[in-house]
Amino acid sequence: MDTAILPSTLLLTLLLSVGLLFFIRAATKDRTQTTQLISEQDEAVFMPQLQDYFRSRSYRVVEIDKSKNLVAFEGFVKPSIFLAVFLTLLAAVGLVCLSLVLSFLFPQYSLVFFGLLLLSPLSGFFYWQKAGRLEKVLLKLEPNFKDQVSFSKITVTAHRDELAELQKTLQLKPGNA
């Protein structure tokens, strides 16, 4: 057997394991963005729709600054059971691969290396601990009048998934930043 195959396979497996660790860590990363959205409705009609939308998503108003026309909502974002299980399975597959390579290099410790598989639930636990958190949504409403037509422009700072859902649900158009 070629003696360079196993060490190079070990190196590649270790690099993939590092990538897996960064992937698991990135699952909890804050993905807050700021964007401008436009509604063709007047502020008097649009603002209650925004409040109803955020109330239906379990957010509550925590701050209103009338001088800046700014509203802050806050809500607890629950971690995803599916993602916790998925990350645990990914970690299990990665640890099995690492254990296989290590057991080929050091056959006398193969049972110990397969014991590494018991660490895979830690990835789901890590995700579960970090992903559940309070999210804050900032809205700044800017009424506009263009060619005698009233519309509302809002600047929203929120998680990117929340922005996409807001845009889809209230049928908002992207604004110019």
Protein backbone atom coordinates (compact mmCIF):
# COMPACT_ATOMS: atom_id res chain seq x y z
CA MET A 1 0.00 0.00 0.00
CA ASP A 2 1.22 3.49 -0.85
CA THR A 3 2.34 5.21 2.38
CA ALA A 4 1.34 8.69 1.14
CA ILE A 5 -2.33 7.79 0.68
CA LEU A 6 -3.40 7.56 4.33
CA PRO A 7 -1.71 10.77 5.58
CA SER A 8 -3.09 12.77 2.63
CA THR A 9 -6.54 11.25 3.24
CA LEU A 10 -6.22 12.24 6.91
CA LEU A 11 -5.28 15.79 5.93
CA LEU A 12 -8.27 16.10 3.58
CA THR A 13 -10.60 14.63 6.19
CA LEU A 14 -9.32 17.07 8.82
CA LEU A 15 -9.87 19.97 6.42
CA LEU A 16 -13.42 18.78 5.78
CA SER A 17 -13.96 18.47 9.54
CA VAL A 18 -12.87 22.08 10.02
CA GLY A 19 -15.32 23.08 7.29
CA LEU A 20 -18.07 21.16 9.08
CA LEU A 21 -17.29 22.95 12.35
CA PHE A 22 -17.55 26.34 10.64
CA PHE A 23 -20.82 25.28 8.99
CA ILE A 24 -22.30 24.31 12.36
CA ARG A 25 -21.12 27.58 13.90
CA ALA A 26 -22.53 29.60 10.98
CA ALA A 27 -26.00 28.12 11.58
CA THR A 28 -26.32 30.44 14.58
CA LYS A 29 -24.80 33.54 12.97
CA ASP A 30 -26.74 36.80 13.13
CA ARG A 31 -27.99 37.68 9.65
CA THR A 32 -29.47 41.12 10.31
CA GLN A 33 -29.88 43.35 7.27
CA THR A 34 -31.31 46.77 6.53
CA THR A 35 -33.48 47.33 3.47
CA GLN A 36 -36.02 49.77 2.14
CA LEU A 37 -39.46 48.55 1.11
CA ILE A 38 -42.31 50.40 -0.56
CA SER A 39 -46.04 49.98 -0.05
CA GLU A 40 -48.52 51.56 -2.41
CA GLN A 41 -50.82 52.21 0.54
CA ASP A 42 -51.11 55.35 2.59
CA GLU A 43 -49.45 55.46 6.01
CA ALA A 44 -52.82 55.41 7.83
CA VAL A 45 -53.70 52.08 6.20
CA PHE A 46 -50.22 50.59 6.06
CA MET A 47 -49.10 51.11 9.68
CA PRO A 48 -51.92 49.00 11.23
CA GLN A 49 -51.09 46.23 8.71
CA LEU A 50 -47.46 46.31 9.83
CA GLN A 51 -48.48 46.13 13.49
CA ASP A 52 -50.86 43.21 12.81
CA TYR A 53 -48.17 41.41 10.84
CA PHE A 54 -45.60 41.67 13.63
CA ARG A 55 -48.18 40.83 16.31
CA SER A 56 -49.12 37.68 14.36
CA ARG A 57 -45.41 36.74 14.31
CA SER A 58 -45.23 37.11 18.14
CA TYR A 59 -43.36 40.39 18.14
CA ARG A 60 -44.26 43.18 20.52
CA VAL A 61 -43.62 46.91 20.38
CA VAL A 62 -40.77 47.87 22.71
CA GLU A 63 -40.05 51.43 21.62
CA ILE A 64 -41.72 54.21 19.66
CA ASP A 65 -39.83 57.34 18.71
CA LYS A 66 -42.36 59.70 17.11
CA SER A 67 -39.77 62.38 16.40
CA LYS A 68 -37.83 59.98 14.15
CA ASN A 69 -40.93 58.02 13.07
CA LEU A 70 -39.22 54.86 14.37
CA VAL A 71 -40.82 51.75 15.87
CA ALA A 72 -38.89 48.88 17.46
CA PHE A 73 -40.38 45.41 17.77
CA GLU A 74 -38.93 42.52 19.73
CA GLY A 75 -39.70 38.82 19.63
CA PHE A 76 -38.17 35.50 20.57
CA VAL A 77 -37.04 33.41 17.63
CA LYS A 78 -37.25 29.70 18.37
CA PRO A 79 -34.57 27.36 17.09
CA SER A 80 -35.59 24.91 14.38
CA ILE A 81 -35.94 21.27 15.42
CA PHE A 82 -35.27 20.22 11.83
CA LEU A 83 -32.01 22.18 11.69
CA ALA A 84 -30.86 20.83 15.07
CA VAL A 85 -31.44 17.24 13.88
CA PHE A 86 -29.87 17.99 10.50
CA LEU A 87 -26.73 19.45 12.08
CA THR A 88 -26.50 16.46 14.43
CA LEU A 89 -26.69 14.08 11.46
CA LEU A 90 -24.08 16.07 9.53
CA ALA A 91 -21.77 15.99 12.53
CA ALA A 92 -22.34 12.22 12.87
CA VAL A 93 -21.43 11.62 9.22
CA GLY A 94 -18.34 13.82 9.53
CA LEU A 95 -17.21 12.07 12.72
CA VAL A 96 -17.75 8.63 11.16
CA CYS A 97 -15.54 9.64 8.23
CA LEU A 98 -12.87 11.01 10.56
CA SER A 99 -13.07 7.85 12.71
CA LEU A 100 -12.67 5.62 9.65
CA VAL A 101 -9.55 7.43 8.49
CA LEU A 102 -8.05 7.47 11.98
CA SER A 103 -8.81 3.77 12.48
CA PHE A 104 -6.95 2.95 9.24
CA LEU A 105 -3.94 4.92 10.46
CA PHE A 106 -4.05 3.60 14.02
CA PRO A 107 -5.96 0.29 14.01
CA GLN A 108 -5.21 -0.45 17.67
CA TYR A 109 -7.40 2.56 18.70
CA SER A 110 -10.27 2.05 16.26
CA LEU A 111 -12.92 1.57 18.98
CA VAL A 112 -11.83 4.80 20.66
CA PHE A 113 -12.08 6.69 17.38
CA PHE A 114 -15.61 5.42 16.75
CA GLY A 115 -16.43 6.69 20.23
CA LEU A 116 -16.03 10.16 18.72
CA LEU A 117 -19.44 9.58 17.17
CA LEU A 118 -20.93 10.17 20.63
CA LEU A 119 -19.92 13.83 20.26
CA SER A 120 -22.31 14.45 17.34
CA PRO A 121 -25.31 15.46 19.52
CA LEU A 122 -23.19 18.35 20.80
CA SER A 123 -23.64 20.11 17.45
CA GLY A 124 -27.44 20.04 17.80
CA PHE A 125 -27.14 21.17 21.41
CA PHE A 126 -24.80 24.02 20.41
CA TYR A 127 -27.24 25.16 17.72
CA TRP A 128 -30.20 24.92 20.09
CA GLN A 129 -28.45 27.05 22.74
CA LYS A 130 -27.28 29.76 20.33
CA ALA A 131 -30.16 29.97 17.83
CA GLY A 132 -32.94 30.76 20.30
CA ARG A 133 -32.66 34.47 20.98
CA LEU A 134 -34.49 37.77 21.10
CA GLU A 135 -34.66 39.43 17.69
CA LYS A 136 -35.20 43.12 17.27
CA VAL A 137 -36.89 44.67 14.24
CA LEU A 138 -36.52 48.40 13.60
CA LEU A 139 -38.99 50.18 11.32
CA LYS A 140 -38.70 53.70 10.08
CA LEU A 141 -41.76 54.86 8.17
CA GLU A 142 -41.32 57.61 5.59
CA PRO A 143 -44.54 58.79 3.91
CA ASN A 144 -43.99 59.96 0.34
CA PHE A 145 -46.03 61.71 -2.27
CA LYS A 146 -45.14 61.36 -5.91
CA ASP A 147 -47.29 62.68 -8.71
CA GLN A 148 -50.23 63.15 -6.32
CA VAL A 149 -50.09 59.43 -5.42
CA SER A 150 -49.49 58.55 -1.79
CA PHE A 151 -47.27 55.62 -0.87
CA SER A 152 -45.25 54.53 2.14
CA LYS A 153 -41.56 53.78 2.25
CA ILE A 154 -40.16 51.88 5.22
CA THR A 155 -36.60 51.20 6.21
CA VAL A 156 -36.49 47.87 8.01
CA THR A 157 -33.62 46.38 10.00
CA ALA A 158 -34.29 42.72 10.73
CA HIS A 159 -33.15 39.16 10.11
CA ARG A 160 -33.00 38.47 6.37
CA ASP A 161 -35.62 35.70 6.61
CA GLU A 162 -37.98 38.08 8.40
CA LEU A 163 -37.42 40.70 5.70
CA ALA A 164 -38.27 38.21 2.96
CA GLU A 165 -41.42 37.05 4.77
CA LEU A 166 -42.51 40.66 5.42
CA GLN A 167 -42.01 41.58 1.77
CA LYS A 168 -43.93 38.52 0.58
CA THR A 169 -46.81 38.75 3.07
CA LEU A 170 -47.52 42.47 2.71
CA GLN A 171 -46.61 42.48 -1.01
CA LEU A 172 -44.00 45.19 -0.64
CA LYS A 173 -41.66 46.30 -3.39
CA PRO A 174 -37.95 46.84 -2.89
CA GLY A 175 -37.08 50.51 -2.52
CA ASN A 176 -33.97 52.39 -3.52
CA ALA A 177 -31.43 52.37 -0.70
